[in-house]
Amino acid sequence: MDIKKRAFKLAMPVMLSYLFMSLAYGLMMQQAHLAWYYSILASLLIYTGAFQYVLVGFITISAPLMTILITALFMNARLFFYGPTFAKLFKTSKHYLYLIHSFTDETYGLDLKISDSKQEKQVDMMYYVALFSQTSWLVGTLLGATIGTILPLQLKGVEFCMTAMFITIVIDQWESHDKHFPTIMSAVVAIVLLGLLGGGQFMLPSLLVSTLLLVIYDWRMKDE
């Protein structure tokens, strides 16, 4: 089978999920009264999935630039740990820079599957998986932005889809780990700072305080 067809087949589950998630993102951008081309540019140049949803809220409340930058760093810091896995392999491709730019949680999982296989031209397969995945995200974004522009829809609650996804992730993490202190502690920190600082200012302090406490917690657990 042609490498493009195999990559398309492998990426299909990710493409379908990206299509619907990005469609909701495009609608959110229109609900925030932002021009449709901003949605496309964000999905093309930023392409961070979860943070793009958060960014809509930040733009809406005119959040400080430093808060946006540090939040982006914290939300995507996990990629620093994913990256070294395929750094050498990516460097063998002429699409090296794009492979880095399009590296997501989902493509990382698919890349692991590709690397475990014995097929040839693995890096090319990874490139097409990444390309098809981002294309799906772009198509969904365009559809959402177009629908939001043409039809005078007031889709109240569409922004909750990202909250729902985060809740699902938390539940999954809760069920897959025996120790729940990090989750409980982070939730308490966020709730306390939300009450003290308000919705527009609590995000960055919550991330910083939670990270500091988690580092201390991890350090103490290692000592024990």
N, C-alpha and C. Protein backbone atom coordinates (compact mmCIF):
# COMPACT_ATOMS: atom_id res chain seq x y z
N MET A 1 0.84 -1.21 0.00
CA MET A 1 0.00 0.00 0.00
C MET A 1 0.87 1.25 0.00
N ASP A 2 0.47 2.25 -0.75
CA ASP A 2 1.19 3.51 -0.83
C ASP A 2 1.33 4.13 0.56
N ILE A 3 2.48 4.75 0.82
CA ILE A 3 2.77 5.30 2.14
C ILE A 3 1.76 6.37 2.56
N LYS A 4 1.28 7.15 1.59
CA LYS A 4 0.30 8.18 1.90
C LYS A 4 -1.03 7.56 2.34
N LYS A 5 -1.42 6.47 1.67
CA LYS A 5 -2.66 5.80 2.03
C LYS A 5 -2.55 5.17 3.42
N ARG A 6 -1.39 4.58 3.71
CA ARG A 6 -1.19 3.97 5.02
C ARG A 6 -1.20 5.02 6.12
N ALA A 7 -0.58 6.16 5.84
CA ALA A 7 -0.55 7.25 6.82
C ALA A 7 -1.96 7.81 7.03
N PHE A 8 -2.71 7.93 5.95
CA PHE A 8 -4.08 8.44 6.05
C PHE A 8 -4.95 7.50 6.89
N LYS A 9 -4.80 6.21 6.66
CA LYS A 9 -5.57 5.22 7.40
C LYS A 9 -5.19 5.24 8.88
N LEU A 10 -3.91 5.35 9.16
CA LEU A 10 -3.44 5.38 10.55
C LEU A 10 -3.91 6.64 11.28
N ALA A 11 -3.91 7.77 10.56
CA ALA A 11 -4.26 9.04 11.18
C ALA A 11 -5.77 9.30 11.25
N MET A 12 -6.56 8.43 10.64
CA MET A 12 -8.00 8.67 10.55
C MET A 12 -8.68 8.95 11.90
N PRO A 13 -8.44 8.17 12.97
CA PRO A 13 -9.08 8.48 14.25
C PRO A 13 -8.73 9.87 14.77
N VAL A 14 -7.45 10.25 14.63
CA VAL A 14 -7.03 11.58 15.07
C VAL A 14 -7.67 12.66 14.20
N MET A 15 -7.73 12.41 12.91
CA MET A 15 -8.32 13.38 11.99
C MET A 15 -9.79 13.64 12.32
N LEU A 16 -10.52 12.60 12.63
CA LEU A 16 -11.95 12.76 12.96
C LEU A 16 -12.14 13.54 14.26
N SER A 17 -11.33 13.22 15.26
CA SER A 17 -11.45 13.96 16.52
C SER A 17 -11.02 15.42 16.35
N TYR A 18 -9.96 15.65 15.57
CA TYR A 18 -9.50 17.01 15.30
C TYR A 18 -10.56 17.80 14.55
N LEU A 19 -11.24 17.14 13.63
CA LEU A 19 -12.24 17.83 12.82
C LEU A 19 -13.33 18.45 13.68
N PHE A 20 -13.84 17.69 14.61
CA PHE A 20 -14.93 18.18 15.45
C PHE A 20 -14.45 19.16 16.52
N MET A 21 -13.27 18.90 17.06
CA MET A 21 -12.73 19.81 18.07
C MET A 21 -12.40 21.17 17.46
N SER A 22 -11.82 21.17 16.27
CA SER A 22 -11.46 22.43 15.63
C SER A 22 -12.68 23.16 15.09
N LEU A 23 -13.72 22.41 14.72
CA LEU A 23 -14.97 23.05 14.30
C LEU A 23 -15.54 23.86 15.46
N ALA A 24 -15.53 23.26 16.65
CA ALA A 24 -15.99 23.98 17.84
C ALA A 24 -15.10 25.19 18.11
N TYR A 25 -13.80 25.04 17.87
CA TYR A 25 -12.87 26.17 18.06
C TYR A 25 -13.20 27.31 17.11
N GLY A 26 -13.45 26.98 15.83
CA GLY A 26 -13.80 28.01 14.86
C GLY A 26 -15.07 28.75 15.26
N LEU A 27 -16.05 28.01 15.78
CA LEU A 27 -17.29 28.63 16.25
C LEU A 27 -17.02 29.54 17.46
N MET A 28 -16.16 29.08 18.35
CA MET A 28 -15.82 29.90 19.52
C MET A 28 -15.18 31.22 19.12
N MET A 29 -14.31 31.17 18.13
CA MET A 29 -13.65 32.39 17.67
C MET A 29 -14.67 33.37 17.10
N GLN A 30 -15.66 32.83 16.41
CA GLN A 30 -16.72 33.70 15.87
C GLN A 30 -17.59 34.25 16.98
N GLN A 31 -17.86 33.43 18.01
CA GLN A 31 -18.64 33.88 19.15
C GLN A 31 -17.91 35.02 19.88
N ALA A 32 -16.58 35.00 19.80
CA ALA A 32 -15.77 36.04 20.44
C ALA A 32 -15.61 37.26 19.53
N HIS A 33 -16.32 37.25 18.38
CA HIS A 33 -16.32 38.36 17.42
C HIS A 33 -14.93 38.61 16.81
N LEU A 34 -14.21 37.52 16.55
CA LEU A 34 -12.91 37.62 15.90
C LEU A 34 -13.05 37.18 14.45
N ALA A 35 -12.37 37.86 13.55
CA ALA A 35 -12.47 37.58 12.12
C ALA A 35 -12.07 36.13 11.82
N TRP A 36 -12.70 35.56 10.80
CA TRP A 36 -12.50 34.16 10.48
C TRP A 36 -11.04 33.83 10.18
N TYR A 37 -10.31 34.80 9.58
CA TYR A 37 -8.94 34.51 9.19
C TYR A 37 -8.01 34.40 10.40
N TYR A 38 -8.42 34.98 11.54
CA TYR A 38 -7.62 34.80 12.75
C TYR A 38 -7.67 33.33 13.21
N SER A 39 -8.83 32.72 13.03
CA SER A 39 -8.97 31.31 13.37
C SER A 39 -8.03 30.46 12.53
N ILE A 40 -8.00 30.73 11.23
CA ILE A 40 -7.14 29.96 10.33
C ILE A 40 -5.67 30.18 10.64
N LEU A 41 -5.29 31.43 10.86
CA LEU A 41 -3.90 31.74 11.18
C LEU A 41 -3.45 31.05 12.46
N ALA A 42 -4.34 31.05 13.47
CA ALA A 42 -4.00 30.42 14.74
C ALA A 42 -3.80 28.91 14.55
N SER A 43 -4.70 28.28 13.79
CA SER A 43 -4.60 26.84 13.57
C SER A 43 -3.42 26.47 12.68
N LEU A 44 -3.00 27.41 11.85
CA LEU A 44 -1.87 27.17 10.96
C LEU A 44 -0.54 27.41 11.66
N LEU A 45 -0.45 28.50 12.43
CA LEU A 45 0.83 28.92 13.01
C LEU A 45 1.01 28.50 14.47
N ILE A 46 -0.07 28.52 15.24
CA ILE A 46 0.03 28.16 16.66
C ILE A 46 -0.17 26.66 16.82
N TYR A 47 -1.31 26.17 16.41
CA TYR A 47 -1.61 24.74 16.35
C TYR A 47 -1.23 24.02 17.63
N THR A 48 -1.88 24.43 18.72
CA THR A 48 -1.59 23.80 20.02
C THR A 48 -2.83 23.16 20.64
N GLY A 49 -3.91 23.08 19.87
CA GLY A 49 -5.08 22.38 20.39
C GLY A 49 -5.69 23.04 21.60
N ALA A 50 -5.42 22.47 22.78
CA ALA A 50 -6.03 22.94 24.02
C ALA A 50 -5.75 24.42 24.26
N PHE A 51 -4.52 24.85 24.02
CA PHE A 51 -4.19 26.25 24.30
C PHE A 51 -4.93 27.20 23.38
N GLN A 52 -5.28 26.76 22.19
CA GLN A 52 -6.03 27.63 21.29
C GLN A 52 -7.40 27.97 21.90
N TYR A 53 -8.00 27.01 22.58
CA TYR A 53 -9.26 27.27 23.26
C TYR A 53 -9.05 28.28 24.39
N VAL A 54 -8.00 28.05 25.17
CA VAL A 54 -7.69 28.96 26.28
C VAL A 54 -7.40 30.36 25.75
N LEU A 55 -6.72 30.42 24.61
CA LEU A 55 -6.35 31.71 24.02
C LEU A 55 -7.57 32.55 23.68
N VAL A 56 -8.65 31.90 23.25
CA VAL A 56 -9.89 32.63 22.94
C VAL A 56 -10.36 33.40 24.17
N GLY A 57 -10.36 32.72 25.31
CA GLY A 57 -10.77 33.37 26.55
C GLY A 57 -9.83 34.49 26.94
N PHE A 58 -8.53 34.27 26.77
CA PHE A 58 -7.55 35.30 27.09
C PHE A 58 -7.76 36.55 26.23
N ILE A 59 -8.01 36.33 24.94
CA ILE A 59 -8.23 37.46 24.04
C ILE A 59 -9.50 38.20 24.43
N THR A 60 -10.52 37.47 24.80
CA THR A 60 -11.80 38.06 25.16
C THR A 60 -11.68 38.98 26.37
N ILE A 61 -10.88 38.58 27.35
CA ILE A 61 -10.74 39.38 28.58
C ILE A 61 -9.52 40.30 28.53
N SER A 62 -8.84 40.34 27.37
CA SER A 62 -7.64 41.17 27.20
C SER A 62 -6.59 40.85 28.27
N ALA A 63 -6.28 39.57 28.40
CA ALA A 63 -5.31 39.12 29.41
C ALA A 63 -3.91 39.67 29.09
N PRO A 64 -3.08 39.91 30.10
CA PRO A 64 -1.72 40.40 29.88
C PRO A 64 -0.91 39.43 29.01
N LEU A 65 -0.06 39.97 28.17
CA LEU A 65 0.74 39.16 27.25
C LEU A 65 1.60 38.15 28.01
N MET A 66 2.18 38.58 29.13
CA MET A 66 3.03 37.68 29.90
C MET A 66 2.25 36.48 30.42
N THR A 67 1.03 36.72 30.83
CA THR A 67 0.17 35.63 31.30
C THR A 67 -0.08 34.63 30.17
N ILE A 68 -0.33 35.15 28.97
CA ILE A 68 -0.58 34.29 27.81
C ILE A 68 0.66 33.46 27.48
N LEU A 69 1.83 34.10 27.47
CA LEU A 69 3.07 33.42 27.11
C LEU A 69 3.43 32.32 28.11
N ILE A 70 3.34 32.65 29.40
CA ILE A 70 3.72 31.67 30.42
C ILE A 70 2.71 30.53 30.47
N THR A 71 1.43 30.85 30.28
CA THR A 71 0.41 29.79 30.24
C THR A 71 0.67 28.84 29.07
N ALA A 72 1.02 29.42 27.93
CA ALA A 72 1.34 28.59 26.75
C ALA A 72 2.53 27.68 27.05
N LEU A 73 3.53 28.22 27.73
CA LEU A 73 4.71 27.44 28.07
C LEU A 73 4.35 26.28 28.99
N PHE A 74 3.56 26.56 30.02
CA PHE A 74 3.19 25.52 30.98
C PHE A 74 2.31 24.47 30.33
N MET A 75 1.36 24.90 29.52
CA MET A 75 0.42 23.95 28.92
C MET A 75 1.08 23.04 27.89
N ASN A 76 2.19 23.50 27.33
CA ASN A 76 2.85 22.70 26.28
C ASN A 76 4.21 22.18 26.71
N ALA A 77 4.53 22.34 28.00
CA ALA A 77 5.85 21.93 28.49
C ALA A 77 6.08 20.43 28.32
N ARG A 78 5.01 19.64 28.32
CA ARG A 78 5.15 18.19 28.18
C ARG A 78 5.87 17.81 26.88
N LEU A 79 5.77 18.68 25.86
CA LEU A 79 6.41 18.38 24.57
C LEU A 79 7.94 18.38 24.69
N PHE A 80 8.45 19.06 25.71
CA PHE A 80 9.90 19.03 25.92
C PHE A 80 10.36 17.60 26.25
N PHE A 81 9.46 16.83 26.84
CA PHE A 81 9.80 15.46 27.21
C PHE A 81 9.52 14.49 26.06
N TYR A 82 8.54 14.83 25.22
CA TYR A 82 8.24 13.99 24.06
C TYR A 82 9.32 14.12 22.98
N GLY A 83 9.77 15.34 22.77
CA GLY A 83 10.64 15.66 21.65
C GLY A 83 11.87 14.80 21.47
N PRO A 84 12.67 14.59 22.54
CA PRO A 84 13.92 13.84 22.38
C PRO A 84 13.72 12.43 21.83
N THR A 85 12.53 11.87 21.98
CA THR A 85 12.26 10.52 21.51
C THR A 85 12.51 10.39 20.01
N PHE A 86 12.14 11.44 19.25
CA PHE A 86 12.24 11.36 17.80
C PHE A 86 13.18 12.41 17.20
N ALA A 87 13.95 13.09 18.05
CA ALA A 87 14.80 14.18 17.56
C ALA A 87 15.75 13.72 16.45
N LYS A 88 16.44 12.62 16.67
CA LYS A 88 17.41 12.14 15.68
C LYS A 88 16.72 11.70 14.39
N LEU A 89 15.60 11.03 14.53
CA LEU A 89 14.88 10.55 13.36
C LEU A 89 14.32 11.71 12.54
N PHE A 90 13.77 12.71 13.22
CA PHE A 90 13.22 13.88 12.52
C PHE A 90 14.30 14.62 11.73
N LYS A 91 15.51 14.65 12.27
CA LYS A 91 16.60 15.37 11.61
C LYS A 91 16.98 14.75 10.26
N THR A 92 16.61 13.52 10.03
CA THR A 92 16.92 12.86 8.76
C THR A 92 15.94 13.25 7.66
N SER A 93 14.91 13.98 8.02
CA SER A 93 13.88 14.35 7.05
C SER A 93 14.05 15.79 6.57
N LYS A 94 13.72 16.02 5.32
CA LYS A 94 13.74 17.39 4.79
C LYS A 94 12.59 18.22 5.36
N HIS A 95 11.65 17.52 6.00
CA HIS A 95 10.51 18.19 6.63
C HIS A 95 10.73 18.37 8.13
N TYR A 96 11.99 18.41 8.53
CA TYR A 96 12.38 18.46 9.93
C TYR A 96 11.63 19.55 10.72
N LEU A 97 11.64 20.77 10.21
CA LEU A 97 11.00 21.88 10.93
C LEU A 97 9.49 21.69 11.04
N TYR A 98 8.88 21.17 9.99
CA TYR A 98 7.43 20.95 10.05
C TYR A 98 7.09 19.83 11.03
N LEU A 99 7.91 18.79 11.10
CA LEU A 99 7.67 17.70 12.04
C LEU A 99 7.70 18.21 13.48
N ILE A 100 8.57 19.16 13.74
CA ILE A 100 8.63 19.76 15.07
C ILE A 100 7.38 20.61 15.33
N HIS A 101 7.03 21.44 14.36
CA HIS A 101 5.88 22.34 14.50
C HIS A 101 4.58 21.58 14.69
N SER A 102 4.42 20.46 14.01
CA SER A 102 3.16 19.72 14.00
C SER A 102 3.12 18.59 15.03
N PHE A 103 4.09 18.58 15.93
CA PHE A 103 4.19 17.52 16.94
C PHE A 103 3.16 17.74 18.04
N THR A 104 2.22 16.83 18.18
CA THR A 104 1.16 16.95 19.19
C THR A 104 1.10 15.66 20.01
N ASP A 105 0.26 15.67 21.04
CA ASP A 105 0.07 14.46 21.86
C ASP A 105 -0.37 13.29 20.99
N GLU A 106 -1.32 13.57 20.09
CA GLU A 106 -1.89 12.51 19.27
C GLU A 106 -0.89 11.98 18.24
N THR A 107 -0.17 12.89 17.58
CA THR A 107 0.81 12.42 16.59
C THR A 107 1.98 11.72 17.28
N TYR A 108 2.27 12.13 18.50
CA TYR A 108 3.31 11.44 19.28
C TYR A 108 2.93 9.97 19.48
N GLY A 109 1.67 9.74 19.85
CA GLY A 109 1.21 8.37 20.03
C GLY A 109 1.30 7.56 18.75
N LEU A 110 0.92 8.19 17.63
CA LEU A 110 1.00 7.49 16.34
C LEU A 110 2.45 7.27 15.91
N ASP A 111 3.31 8.24 16.22
CA ASP A 111 4.73 8.09 15.88
C ASP A 111 5.36 6.92 16.64
N LEU A 112 4.94 6.75 17.90
CA LEU A 112 5.45 5.61 18.67
C LEU A 112 5.05 4.29 17.99
N LYS A 113 3.81 4.27 17.51
CA LYS A 113 3.33 3.06 16.84
C LYS A 113 4.11 2.81 15.55
N ILE A 114 4.41 3.88 14.83
CA ILE A 114 5.18 3.75 13.58
C ILE A 114 6.60 3.27 13.88
N SER A 115 7.21 3.85 14.91
CA SER A 115 8.60 3.50 15.23
C SER A 115 8.72 2.05 15.72
N ASP A 116 7.65 1.52 16.31
CA ASP A 116 7.67 0.14 16.78
C ASP A 116 7.48 -0.86 15.64
N SER A 117 7.00 -0.37 14.51
CA SER A 117 6.80 -1.26 13.36
C SER A 117 8.13 -1.46 12.62
N LYS A 118 8.14 -2.41 11.71
CA LYS A 118 9.37 -2.70 10.98
C LYS A 118 9.33 -2.15 9.55
N GLN A 119 8.38 -1.26 9.30
CA GLN A 119 8.24 -0.72 7.96
C GLN A 119 9.35 0.27 7.63
N GLU A 120 9.60 0.43 6.35
CA GLU A 120 10.63 1.37 5.90
C GLU A 120 10.05 2.78 5.80
N LYS A 121 10.95 3.75 5.66
CA LYS A 121 10.57 5.15 5.51
C LYS A 121 9.64 5.62 6.65
N GLN A 122 10.04 5.32 7.86
CA GLN A 122 9.23 5.67 9.01
C GLN A 122 9.04 7.17 9.16
N VAL A 123 10.09 7.93 8.92
CA VAL A 123 10.00 9.38 9.09
C VAL A 123 9.06 9.99 8.06
N ASP A 124 9.02 9.42 6.85
CA ASP A 124 8.08 9.90 5.85
C ASP A 124 6.64 9.62 6.28
N MET A 125 6.44 8.46 6.86
CA MET A 125 5.12 8.09 7.38
C MET A 125 4.70 9.07 8.47
N MET A 126 5.63 9.43 9.34
CA MET A 126 5.34 10.38 10.42
C MET A 126 4.99 11.75 9.85
N TYR A 127 5.68 12.12 8.80
CA TYR A 127 5.40 13.42 8.16
C TYR A 127 3.98 13.46 7.62
N TYR A 128 3.55 12.43 6.92
CA TYR A 128 2.21 12.43 6.34
C TYR A 128 1.13 12.33 7.41
N VAL A 129 1.42 11.60 8.48
CA VAL A 129 0.47 11.54 9.60
C VAL A 129 0.28 12.93 10.19
N ALA A 130 1.38 13.65 10.39
CA ALA A 130 1.31 15.00 10.92
C ALA A 130 0.59 15.95 9.96
N LEU A 131 0.89 15.81 8.67
CA LEU A 131 0.28 16.67 7.67
C LEU A 131 -1.23 16.44 7.58
N PHE A 132 -1.65 15.19 7.55
CA PHE A 132 -3.08 14.88 7.48
C PHE A 132 -3.81 15.34 8.74
N SER A 133 -3.14 15.19 9.88
CA SER A 133 -3.76 15.59 11.15
C SER A 133 -3.98 17.10 11.20
N GLN A 134 -2.96 17.87 10.84
CA GLN A 134 -3.13 19.32 10.87
C GLN A 134 -4.10 19.79 9.80
N THR A 135 -4.09 19.13 8.66
CA THR A 135 -5.05 19.49 7.61
C THR A 135 -6.48 19.32 8.11
N SER A 136 -6.72 18.24 8.83
CA SER A 136 -8.05 18.01 9.40
C SER A 136 -8.40 19.12 10.39
N TRP A 137 -7.43 19.53 11.20
CA TRP A 137 -7.67 20.62 12.16
C TRP A 137 -7.98 21.92 11.42
N LEU A 138 -7.27 22.18 10.35
CA LEU A 138 -7.51 23.40 9.57
C LEU A 138 -8.88 23.37 8.89
N VAL A 139 -9.26 22.22 8.35
CA VAL A 139 -10.57 22.09 7.70
C VAL A 139 -11.69 22.32 8.71
N GLY A 140 -11.56 21.71 9.88
CA GLY A 140 -12.56 21.91 10.92
C GLY A 140 -12.65 23.36 11.37
N THR A 141 -11.49 23.99 11.52
CA THR A 141 -11.46 25.41 11.90
C THR A 141 -12.18 26.27 10.86
N LEU A 142 -11.88 26.01 9.58
CA LEU A 142 -12.50 26.77 8.50
C LEU A 142 -14.01 26.56 8.47
N LEU A 143 -14.44 25.32 8.67
CA LEU A 143 -15.88 25.03 8.71
C LEU A 143 -16.56 25.76 9.86
N GLY A 144 -15.94 25.70 11.03
CA GLY A 144 -16.52 26.38 12.18
C GLY A 144 -16.59 27.88 11.99
N ALA A 145 -15.50 28.46 11.47
CA ALA A 145 -15.47 29.91 11.24
C ALA A 145 -16.48 30.31 10.18
N THR A 146 -16.61 29.48 9.13
CA THR A 146 -17.55 29.78 8.05
C THR A 146 -18.99 29.70 8.52
N ILE A 147 -19.31 28.63 9.25
CA ILE A 147 -20.66 28.48 9.78
C ILE A 147 -21.00 29.64 10.72
N GLY A 148 -20.03 29.99 11.57
CA GLY A 148 -20.26 31.08 12.50
C GLY A 148 -20.41 32.43 11.82
N THR A 149 -19.80 32.59 10.64
CA THR A 149 -19.89 33.85 9.89
C THR A 149 -21.19 33.95 9.10
N ILE A 150 -21.55 32.86 8.43
CA ILE A 150 -22.72 32.87 7.55
C ILE A 150 -24.03 32.81 8.32
N LEU A 151 -24.07 31.93 9.31
CA LEU A 151 -25.31 31.73 10.06
C LEU A 151 -25.27 32.49 11.38
N PRO A 152 -26.29 33.25 11.68
CA PRO A 152 -26.33 34.02 12.93
C PRO A 152 -26.64 33.12 14.13
N LEU A 153 -25.73 32.18 14.38
CA LEU A 153 -25.96 31.23 15.46
C LEU A 153 -25.48 31.79 16.79
N GLN A 154 -26.24 31.53 17.82
CA GLN A 154 -25.83 31.85 19.18
C GLN A 154 -25.72 30.54 19.94
N LEU A 155 -24.60 29.87 19.74
CA LEU A 155 -24.42 28.56 20.32
C LEU A 155 -23.90 28.68 21.75
N LYS A 156 -24.80 28.94 22.65
CA LYS A 156 -24.42 29.07 24.04
C LYS A 156 -23.92 27.73 24.57
N GLY A 157 -22.76 27.78 25.19
CA GLY A 157 -22.22 26.56 25.78
C GLY A 157 -21.20 25.83 24.92
N VAL A 158 -21.00 26.29 23.66
CA VAL A 158 -20.03 25.58 22.81
C VAL A 158 -18.63 25.66 23.39
N GLU A 159 -18.35 26.74 24.14
CA GLU A 159 -17.03 26.89 24.74
C GLU A 159 -16.78 25.86 25.84
N PHE A 160 -17.85 25.20 26.30
CA PHE A 160 -17.70 24.22 27.37
C PHE A 160 -17.07 22.93 26.89
N CYS A 161 -16.95 22.75 25.56
CA CYS A 161 -16.40 21.49 25.04
C CYS A 161 -14.97 21.28 25.52
N MET A 162 -14.19 22.38 25.65
CA MET A 162 -12.82 22.22 26.11
C MET A 162 -12.79 21.91 27.60
N THR A 163 -13.69 22.55 28.36
CA THR A 163 -13.79 22.23 29.78
C THR A 163 -14.14 20.77 29.97
N ALA A 164 -15.07 20.30 29.13
CA ALA A 164 -15.48 18.89 29.20
C ALA A 164 -14.30 17.97 28.90
N MET A 165 -13.46 18.36 27.93
CA MET A 165 -12.31 17.53 27.59
C MET A 165 -11.33 17.46 28.75
N PHE A 166 -11.09 18.62 29.40
CA PHE A 166 -10.18 18.64 30.54
C PHE A 166 -10.73 17.82 31.70
N ILE A 167 -12.04 17.89 31.91
CA ILE A 167 -12.65 17.08 32.97
C ILE A 167 -12.45 15.60 32.69
N THR A 168 -12.62 15.22 31.42
CA THR A 168 -12.42 13.82 31.02
C THR A 168 -10.99 13.39 31.26
N ILE A 169 -10.03 14.26 30.95
CA ILE A 169 -8.62 13.95 31.17
C ILE A 169 -8.33 13.77 32.66
N VAL A 170 -8.90 14.67 33.48
CA VAL A 170 -8.69 14.58 34.93
C VAL A 170 -9.27 13.27 35.48
N ILE A 171 -10.47 12.91 35.02
CA ILE A 171 -11.09 11.66 35.48
C ILE A 171 -10.24 10.46 35.09
N ASP A 172 -9.73 10.49 33.85
CA ASP A 172 -8.88 9.40 33.38
C ASP A 172 -7.61 9.29 34.22
N GLN A 173 -7.00 10.43 34.53
CA GLN A 173 -5.80 10.44 35.35
C GLN A 173 -6.10 9.96 36.77
N TRP A 174 -7.26 10.37 37.28
CA TRP A 174 -7.67 9.98 38.63
C TRP A 174 -7.81 8.46 38.71
N GLU A 175 -8.43 7.87 37.70
CA GLU A 175 -8.68 6.43 37.71
C GLU A 175 -7.43 5.60 37.45
N SER A 176 -6.45 6.20 36.80
CA SER A 176 -5.25 5.44 36.44
C SER A 176 -4.11 5.59 37.45
N HIS A 177 -4.32 6.40 38.50
CA HIS A 177 -3.29 6.59 39.53
C HIS A 177 -3.87 6.36 40.92
N ASP A 178 -3.05 5.84 41.80
CA ASP A 178 -3.49 5.60 43.18
C ASP A 178 -3.38 6.84 44.05
N LYS A 179 -2.41 7.69 43.74
CA LYS A 179 -2.18 8.89 44.55
C LYS A 179 -2.90 10.08 43.92
N HIS A 180 -3.81 10.68 44.69
CA HIS A 180 -4.64 11.75 44.16
C HIS A 180 -4.30 13.13 44.73
N PHE A 181 -3.25 13.18 45.56
CA PHE A 181 -2.91 14.47 46.16
C PHE A 181 -2.63 15.57 45.13
N PRO A 182 -1.85 15.29 44.05
CA PRO A 182 -1.58 16.36 43.08
C PRO A 182 -2.84 16.96 42.47
N THR A 183 -3.82 16.10 42.15
CA THR A 183 -5.07 16.59 41.56
C THR A 183 -5.84 17.44 42.55
N ILE A 184 -5.97 16.94 43.78
CA ILE A 184 -6.73 17.65 44.81
C ILE A 184 -6.06 18.97 45.14
N MET A 185 -4.73 18.94 45.30
CA MET A 185 -3.99 20.15 45.63
C MET A 185 -4.13 21.21 44.55
N SER A 186 -3.99 20.81 43.30
CA SER A 186 -4.10 21.76 42.18
C SER A 186 -5.50 22.37 42.12
N ALA A 187 -6.51 21.55 42.38
CA ALA A 187 -7.88 22.06 42.37
C ALA A 187 -8.11 23.07 43.48
N VAL A 188 -7.59 22.77 44.67
CA VAL A 188 -7.74 23.68 45.81
C VAL A 188 -7.03 25.00 45.54
N VAL A 189 -5.82 24.93 45.01
CA VAL A 189 -5.06 26.15 44.69
C VAL A 189 -5.84 27.01 43.69
N ALA A 190 -6.36 26.37 42.64
CA ALA A 190 -7.10 27.11 41.61
C ALA A 190 -8.35 27.76 42.18
N ILE A 191 -9.09 27.03 43.03
CA ILE A 191 -10.33 27.57 43.60
C ILE A 191 -10.04 28.74 44.54
N VAL A 192 -9.01 28.58 45.37
CA VAL A 192 -8.66 29.65 46.32
C VAL A 192 -8.23 30.92 45.59
N LEU A 193 -7.34 30.76 44.60
CA LEU A 193 -6.86 31.92 43.85
C LEU A 193 -7.94 32.52 42.96
N LEU A 194 -8.85 31.70 42.49
CA LEU A 194 -9.99 32.23 41.73
C LEU A 194 -10.82 33.15 42.61
N GLY A 195 -11.04 32.73 43.85
CA GLY A 195 -11.80 33.56 44.77
C GLY A 195 -11.06 34.83 45.16
N LEU A 196 -9.74 34.75 45.27
CA LEU A 196 -8.95 35.91 45.69
C LEU A 196 -8.67 36.89 44.55
N LEU A 197 -8.38 36.37 43.37
CA LEU A 197 -7.92 37.21 42.26
C LEU A 197 -8.96 37.44 41.17
N GLY A 198 -9.97 36.58 41.10
CA GLY A 198 -10.97 36.73 40.04
C GLY A 198 -10.61 35.92 38.80
N GLY A 199 -11.59 35.73 37.93
CA GLY A 199 -11.43 34.90 36.74
C GLY A 199 -10.38 35.38 35.75
N GLY A 200 -10.12 36.68 35.72
CA GLY A 200 -9.19 37.21 34.72
C GLY A 200 -7.73 37.15 35.13
N GLN A 201 -7.46 36.86 36.42
CA GLN A 201 -6.08 36.96 36.90
C GLN A 201 -5.57 35.71 37.60
N PHE A 202 -6.41 34.71 37.80
CA PHE A 202 -6.00 33.59 38.64
C PHE A 202 -5.19 32.52 37.92
N MET A 203 -5.27 32.45 36.58
CA MET A 203 -4.68 31.34 35.84
C MET A 203 -3.17 31.21 36.05
N LEU A 204 -2.42 32.28 35.80
CA LEU A 204 -0.96 32.22 35.90
C LEU A 204 -0.49 31.93 37.33
N PRO A 205 -1.01 32.67 38.34
CA PRO A 205 -0.61 32.34 39.72
C PRO A 205 -0.93 30.90 40.09
N SER A 206 -2.06 30.39 39.62
CA SER A 206 -2.43 29.01 39.93
C SER A 206 -1.43 28.02 39.34
N LEU A 207 -1.02 28.26 38.11
CA LEU A 207 -0.04 27.39 37.46
C LEU A 207 1.30 27.42 38.19
N LEU A 208 1.73 28.62 38.56
CA LEU A 208 3.02 28.76 39.24
C LEU A 208 3.01 28.12 40.62
N VAL A 209 1.97 28.40 41.41
CA VAL A 209 1.88 27.85 42.77
C VAL A 209 1.73 26.33 42.72
N SER A 210 0.87 25.83 41.83
CA SER A 210 0.67 24.38 41.72
C SER A 210 1.95 23.67 41.30
N THR A 211 2.66 24.25 40.34
CA THR A 211 3.91 23.65 39.88
C THR A 211 4.94 23.60 41.01
N LEU A 212 5.05 24.70 41.75
CA LEU A 212 6.00 24.75 42.87
C LEU A 212 5.67 23.69 43.91
N LEU A 213 4.39 23.59 44.27
CA LEU A 213 3.97 22.61 45.27
C LEU A 213 4.18 21.18 44.77
N LEU A 214 3.95 20.95 43.49
CA LEU A 214 4.15 19.61 42.93
C LEU A 214 5.63 19.22 42.91
N VAL A 215 6.50 20.20 42.65
CA VAL A 215 7.94 19.93 42.69
C VAL A 215 8.37 19.55 44.11
N ILE A 216 7.87 20.30 45.08
CA ILE A 216 8.18 20.01 46.49
C ILE A 216 7.64 18.63 46.88
N TYR A 217 6.42 18.35 46.44
CA TYR A 217 5.80 17.06 46.74
C TYR A 217 6.60 15.90 46.13
N ASP A 218 7.01 16.07 44.88
CA ASP A 218 7.78 15.03 44.21
C ASP A 218 9.13 14.83 44.89
N TRP A 219 9.73 15.92 45.32
CA TRP A 219 11.03 15.85 46.00
C TRP A 219 10.91 15.10 47.33
N ARG A 220 9.84 15.36 48.08
CA ARG A 220 9.63 14.70 49.37
C ARG A 220 9.30 13.21 49.17
N MET A 221 8.54 12.89 48.11
CA MET A 221 8.21 11.50 47.85
C MET A 221 9.45 10.69 47.50
N LYS A 222 10.39 11.31 46.79
CA LYS A 222 11.62 10.60 46.44
C LYS A 222 12.47 10.33 47.68
N ASP A 223 12.46 11.28 48.63
CA ASP A 223 13.21 11.10 49.85
C ASP A 223 12.67 9.96 50.70
N GLU A 224 11.35 9.78 50.61
CA GLU A 224 10.71 8.71 51.39
C GLU A 224 10.96 7.35 50.74
